[in-house]
Amino acid sequence: MSGCLLLTRQAADNQRLAARFAAEGVETCSVPLLELRPCVEGPVERQHMLDLDRYHAVVVVSPTAARLGLERLDRYWTQPPVGIDWLAVGGGTAQVLREYGLPAQCPEQGQDSEALLALPLWQAHFARPDLKVLIWRGEDGREHLADQIRAAGGTVDYLPLYARSAPDSLSAELTAVARRVDRLIVLSVQALNNWRTAAGDDWQRQRHWRCWVPSERIAAQAAALGCTDVVTCRGADDSALVEAVLTGSSG
């Protein structure tokens, strides 16, 4: 492959990842497939933060959720409450929490709900009669994780921190770089669908680009849309993506 690798995260994340690829001699270009907007905090969400010390575990699903959640933590707590297990879905999210000073844990292998639920600490939590878990996320997602916790007798609350939508300029930005691109990274089903819509009449060509995704669920959706060259990475953090692109192999 000799074309440009399209990075599709937020601009700041793409810039950081581009530096990693540049060090490996990989040319990249950036077109975010999602626009993230912080959610308005209502009385229910405010109460979740005020009651943070009543939760046994807080699950944080992305670096964006970590950054926005920590802003609210600063607003309501002079120091984080003790006795909470801070759990991150991936290493990048765990790093944001650790830099803040929280002892975040994350799976060593895998960056999905199944990998998170395989952590040994859940054995003790599932034995609790009053288990309470708070999930920091976007407007939706991680329903499987919540279902498993509830099936074990626990209570789950969501703290929606950001909304995702397609950027208004997405089609124009994609068109501007498309002739130089032959591969891309797509990290969510919504981002995948936004790519498909923005590609328009050029989809019949773009669907043959090599597409790296972080999970089998997203890989299946890509195949359903007609993508012909889909590679599943070991996760969605920078290191997993760089490794997958450089090796060209699936996780």
Protein backbone atom coordinates (compact mmCIF):
# COMPACT_ATOMS: atom_id res chain seq x y z
CA MET A 1 0.00 0.00 0.00
CA SER A 2 1.30 3.42 -0.86
CA GLY A 3 -1.67 5.69 -0.21
CA CYS A 4 -2.48 7.83 2.80
CA LEU A 5 -3.86 6.31 6.02
CA LEU A 6 -6.99 8.20 7.06
CA LEU A 7 -7.31 8.91 10.79
CA THR A 8 -10.90 9.53 11.87
CA ARG A 9 -10.84 10.40 15.57
CA GLN A 10 -11.10 13.90 16.98
CA ALA A 11 -8.52 16.35 15.62
CA ALA A 12 -6.34 16.36 18.75
CA ASP A 13 -6.36 12.57 18.93
CA ASN A 14 -5.52 12.33 15.23
CA GLN A 15 -2.62 14.71 15.67
CA ARG A 16 -1.16 12.61 18.47
CA LEU A 17 -1.64 9.38 16.53
CA ALA A 18 -0.22 10.92 13.35
CA ALA A 19 3.04 11.61 15.19
CA ARG A 20 3.27 7.93 16.16
CA PHE A 21 2.74 6.86 12.55
CA ALA A 22 5.13 9.47 11.17
CA ALA A 23 7.88 8.00 13.34
CA GLU A 24 7.22 4.69 11.57
CA GLY A 25 7.22 6.24 8.11
CA VAL A 26 3.45 6.03 7.60
CA GLU A 27 1.78 8.97 5.84
CA THR A 28 -1.56 9.99 7.38
CA CYS A 29 -4.34 12.50 6.86
CA SER A 30 -7.11 13.51 9.25
CA VAL A 31 -10.89 13.67 8.81
CA PRO A 32 -12.88 13.25 12.06
CA LEU A 33 -15.97 11.13 11.44
CA LEU A 34 -17.65 12.25 14.66
CA GLU A 35 -18.26 15.60 16.29
CA LEU A 36 -18.45 15.38 20.07
CA ARG A 37 -20.44 17.88 22.11
CA PRO A 38 -20.58 17.87 25.92
CA CYS A 39 -24.01 16.94 27.27
CA VAL A 40 -25.98 19.42 29.33
CA GLU A 41 -25.97 18.36 32.96
CA GLY A 42 -29.43 17.85 34.40
CA PRO A 43 -30.51 17.24 38.01
CA VAL A 44 -30.22 13.44 37.66
CA GLU A 45 -26.66 13.64 36.34
CA ARG A 46 -25.73 16.16 39.01
CA GLN A 47 -27.03 13.82 41.70
CA HIS A 48 -24.98 10.92 40.32
CA MET A 49 -21.84 12.99 40.85
CA LEU A 50 -22.89 14.16 44.29
CA ASP A 51 -23.54 10.51 45.22
CA LEU A 52 -20.25 9.29 43.77
CA ASP A 53 -19.09 7.89 47.11
CA ARG A 54 -22.07 5.50 47.10
CA TYR A 55 -20.80 3.59 44.06
CA HIS A 56 -18.52 0.58 44.36
CA ALA A 57 -17.14 0.95 40.84
CA VAL A 58 -17.02 3.60 38.12
CA VAL A 59 -16.55 2.37 34.56
CA VAL A 60 -15.16 4.91 32.08
CA VAL A 61 -15.60 4.00 28.42
CA SER A 62 -13.34 6.44 26.54
CA PRO A 63 -10.70 9.16 26.98
CA THR A 64 -13.37 11.76 26.16
CA ALA A 65 -15.64 10.40 28.89
CA ALA A 66 -12.67 10.44 31.27
CA ARG A 67 -11.77 14.07 30.56
CA LEU A 68 -15.34 15.37 30.77
CA GLY A 69 -16.14 13.27 33.84
CA LEU A 70 -13.06 14.50 35.64
CA GLU A 71 -14.12 18.09 34.97
CA ARG A 72 -17.35 17.35 36.83
CA LEU A 73 -15.45 15.52 39.57
CA ASP A 74 -13.44 18.69 40.16
CA ARG A 75 -16.66 20.66 40.36
CA TYR A 76 -18.25 18.60 43.12
CA TRP A 77 -15.40 16.99 45.07
CA THR A 78 -12.35 18.64 46.57
CA GLN A 79 -10.72 15.22 46.43
CA PRO A 80 -12.01 11.95 44.92
CA PRO A 81 -13.97 9.72 47.30
CA VAL A 82 -12.14 6.61 48.47
CA GLY A 83 -13.21 2.99 48.19
CA ILE A 84 -14.16 3.11 44.50
CA ASP A 85 -12.74 0.80 41.83
CA TRP A 86 -12.00 2.96 38.78
CA LEU A 87 -12.23 0.83 35.65
CA ALA A 88 -11.28 1.84 32.11
CA VAL A 89 -12.26 0.02 28.95
CA GLY A 90 -8.86 0.71 27.33
CA GLY A 91 -5.34 1.78 28.12
CA GLY A 92 -5.76 5.30 26.76
CA THR A 93 -8.72 5.91 29.03
CA ALA A 94 -6.87 4.42 32.00
CA GLN A 95 -3.95 6.77 31.32
CA VAL A 96 -6.20 9.86 31.54
CA LEU A 97 -7.54 8.67 34.89
CA ARG A 98 -4.08 7.78 36.22
CA GLU A 99 -2.66 11.16 35.24
CA TYR A 100 -5.40 12.70 37.36
CA GLY A 101 -4.31 10.50 40.27
CA LEU A 102 -6.93 7.76 40.18
CA PRO A 103 -5.75 4.10 40.42
CA ALA A 104 -7.51 3.01 37.25
CA GLN A 105 -7.54 -0.62 36.17
CA CYS A 106 -8.10 -1.96 32.66
CA PRO A 107 -7.86 -5.34 30.93
CA GLU A 108 -4.42 -6.37 29.71
CA GLN A 109 -5.97 -8.15 26.74
CA GLY A 110 -8.99 -6.80 24.91
CA GLN A 111 -10.82 -3.51 25.10
CA ASP A 112 -14.46 -4.48 25.20
CA SER A 113 -17.11 -5.24 27.82
CA GLU A 114 -16.23 -8.93 27.89
CA ALA A 115 -12.58 -8.20 28.67
CA LEU A 116 -13.59 -5.73 31.37
CA LEU A 117 -15.95 -8.23 32.98
CA ALA A 118 -13.13 -10.80 33.06
CA LEU A 119 -11.18 -8.72 35.60
CA PRO A 120 -10.93 -10.69 38.89
CA LEU A 121 -12.34 -7.84 41.01
CA TRP A 122 -15.84 -8.51 39.69
CA GLN A 123 -15.98 -11.76 41.67
CA ALA A 124 -16.07 -9.80 44.92
CA HIS A 125 -18.38 -7.13 43.52
CA PHE A 126 -20.90 -9.66 42.23
CA ALA A 127 -21.03 -11.18 45.70
CA ARG A 128 -22.29 -7.86 47.11
CA PRO A 129 -26.02 -7.64 47.78
CA ASP A 130 -25.97 -3.88 47.15
CA LEU A 131 -23.55 -3.47 44.21
CA LYS A 132 -23.81 -0.03 42.58
CA VAL A 133 -21.91 0.84 39.39
CA LEU A 134 -21.74 4.15 37.52
CA ILE A 135 -20.81 4.18 33.82
CA TRP A 136 -19.29 7.34 32.33
CA ARG A 137 -20.10 7.27 28.61
CA GLY A 138 -21.60 9.12 25.65
CA GLU A 139 -25.34 9.25 25.13
CA ASP A 140 -25.51 5.49 24.65
CA GLY A 141 -23.43 2.32 24.61
CA ARG A 142 -22.20 -0.40 27.00
CA GLU A 143 -25.67 -1.87 27.42
CA HIS A 144 -24.19 -5.40 27.43
CA LEU A 145 -21.95 -4.47 30.35
CA ALA A 146 -24.89 -3.02 32.26
CA ASP A 147 -27.02 -6.08 31.51
CA GLN A 148 -24.37 -8.41 32.95
CA ILE A 149 -24.03 -6.33 36.12
CA ARG A 150 -27.80 -6.23 36.58
CA ALA A 151 -28.03 -9.98 35.96
CA ALA A 152 -25.64 -10.44 38.88
CA GLY A 153 -27.96 -8.38 41.09
CA GLY A 154 -26.20 -5.03 40.78
CA THR A 155 -27.58 -1.56 40.05
CA VAL A 156 -26.23 0.48 37.14
CA ASP A 157 -26.52 4.22 36.52
CA TYR A 158 -25.31 6.04 33.42
CA LEU A 159 -23.60 9.42 33.34
CA PRO A 160 -23.96 10.67 29.72
CA LEU A 161 -21.14 13.11 29.09
CA TYR A 162 -21.10 13.75 25.35
CA ALA A 163 -23.24 13.49 22.24
CA ARG A 164 -21.92 12.31 18.88
CA SER A 165 -23.00 13.51 15.45
CA ALA A 166 -21.59 13.77 11.95
CA PRO A 167 -19.65 17.02 11.33
CA ASP A 168 -21.46 19.35 8.92
CA SER A 169 -18.38 19.52 6.70
CA LEU A 170 -17.71 15.76 6.67
CA SER A 171 -18.63 15.05 3.05
CA ALA A 172 -16.52 17.93 1.75
CA GLU A 173 -13.54 17.02 3.92
CA LEU A 174 -13.69 13.36 2.90
CA THR A 175 -13.95 14.26 -0.78
CA ALA A 176 -10.91 16.52 -0.47
CA VAL A 177 -8.63 13.68 0.67
CA ALA A 178 -10.30 10.61 -0.82
CA ARG A 179 -8.09 10.35 -3.91
CA ARG A 180 -4.98 10.09 -1.73
CA VAL A 181 -6.44 7.50 0.68
CA ASP A 182 -6.44 3.72 0.39
CA ARG A 183 -6.99 2.74 4.05
CA LEU A 184 -8.49 4.11 7.25
CA ILE A 185 -9.19 3.48 10.93
CA VAL A 186 -12.82 3.47 12.14
CA LEU A 187 -13.52 3.07 15.86
CA SER A 188 -17.32 2.90 16.25
CA VAL A 189 -20.44 1.83 14.40
CA GLN A 190 -21.66 5.43 14.30
CA ALA A 191 -18.38 6.57 12.76
CA LEU A 192 -18.63 3.75 10.24
CA ASN A 193 -22.14 4.80 9.24
CA ASN A 194 -21.05 8.43 8.97
CA TRP A 195 -18.26 7.37 6.61
CA ARG A 196 -20.70 5.42 4.47
CA THR A 197 -23.06 8.39 4.22
CA ALA A 198 -20.32 10.94 3.56
CA ALA A 199 -18.78 8.79 0.81
CA GLY A 200 -21.95 9.10 -1.25
CA ASP A 201 -21.49 7.96 -4.85
CA ASP A 202 -17.82 7.17 -4.18
CA TRP A 203 -18.75 4.41 -1.69
CA GLN A 204 -18.34 1.68 -4.32
CA ARG A 205 -14.64 2.59 -4.45
CA GLN A 206 -14.08 3.50 -0.80
CA ARG A 207 -15.61 0.31 0.57
CA HIS A 208 -12.58 -1.56 -0.79
CA TRP A 209 -10.16 0.47 1.35
CA ARG A 210 -8.51 -1.53 4.11
CA CYS A 211 -10.44 -0.66 7.27
CA TRP A 212 -9.06 -1.24 10.78
CA VAL A 213 -11.69 -1.58 13.53
CA PRO A 214 -11.39 -2.33 17.28
CA SER A 215 -13.95 -5.12 17.68
CA GLU A 216 -15.67 -7.99 15.92
CA ARG A 217 -19.02 -6.21 16.34
CA ILE A 218 -17.81 -3.24 14.30
CA ALA A 219 -16.13 -5.59 11.82
CA ALA A 220 -19.45 -7.35 11.25
CA GLN A 221 -21.20 -4.03 10.64
CA ALA A 222 -18.47 -2.99 8.19
CA ALA A 223 -18.93 -6.23 6.28
CA ALA A 224 -22.69 -5.72 6.25
CA LEU A 225 -22.15 -2.32 4.62
CA GLY A 226 -20.03 -3.94 1.92
CA CYS A 227 -16.48 -3.37 3.16
CA THR A 228 -14.21 -6.01 1.66
CA ASP A 229 -10.94 -5.60 3.59
CA VAL A 230 -11.61 -5.33 7.34
CA VAL A 231 -8.94 -5.94 10.01
CA THR A 232 -9.83 -6.25 13.70
CA CYS A 233 -7.27 -4.66 16.04
CA ARG A 234 -6.46 -5.68 19.60
CA GLY A 235 -8.14 -2.52 20.85
CA ALA A 236 -8.70 1.17 20.18
CA ASP A 237 -5.78 2.79 22.01
CA ASP A 238 -2.87 4.32 20.07
CA SER A 239 -0.48 1.42 20.61
CA ALA A 240 -2.99 -1.20 19.44
CA LEU A 241 -3.81 0.80 16.31
CA VAL A 242 -0.18 1.42 15.41
CA GLU A 243 0.65 -2.25 15.92
CA ALA A 244 -2.26 -3.39 13.76
CA VAL A 245 -1.48 -1.04 10.90
CA LEU A 246 2.24 -1.87 10.89
CA THR A 247 1.68 -5.62 10.97
CA GLY A 248 -1.46 -5.69 8.85
CA SER A 249 -2.68 -8.59 10.97
CA SER A 250 -5.80 -8.99 13.09
CA GLY A 251 -5.82 -9.29 16.87
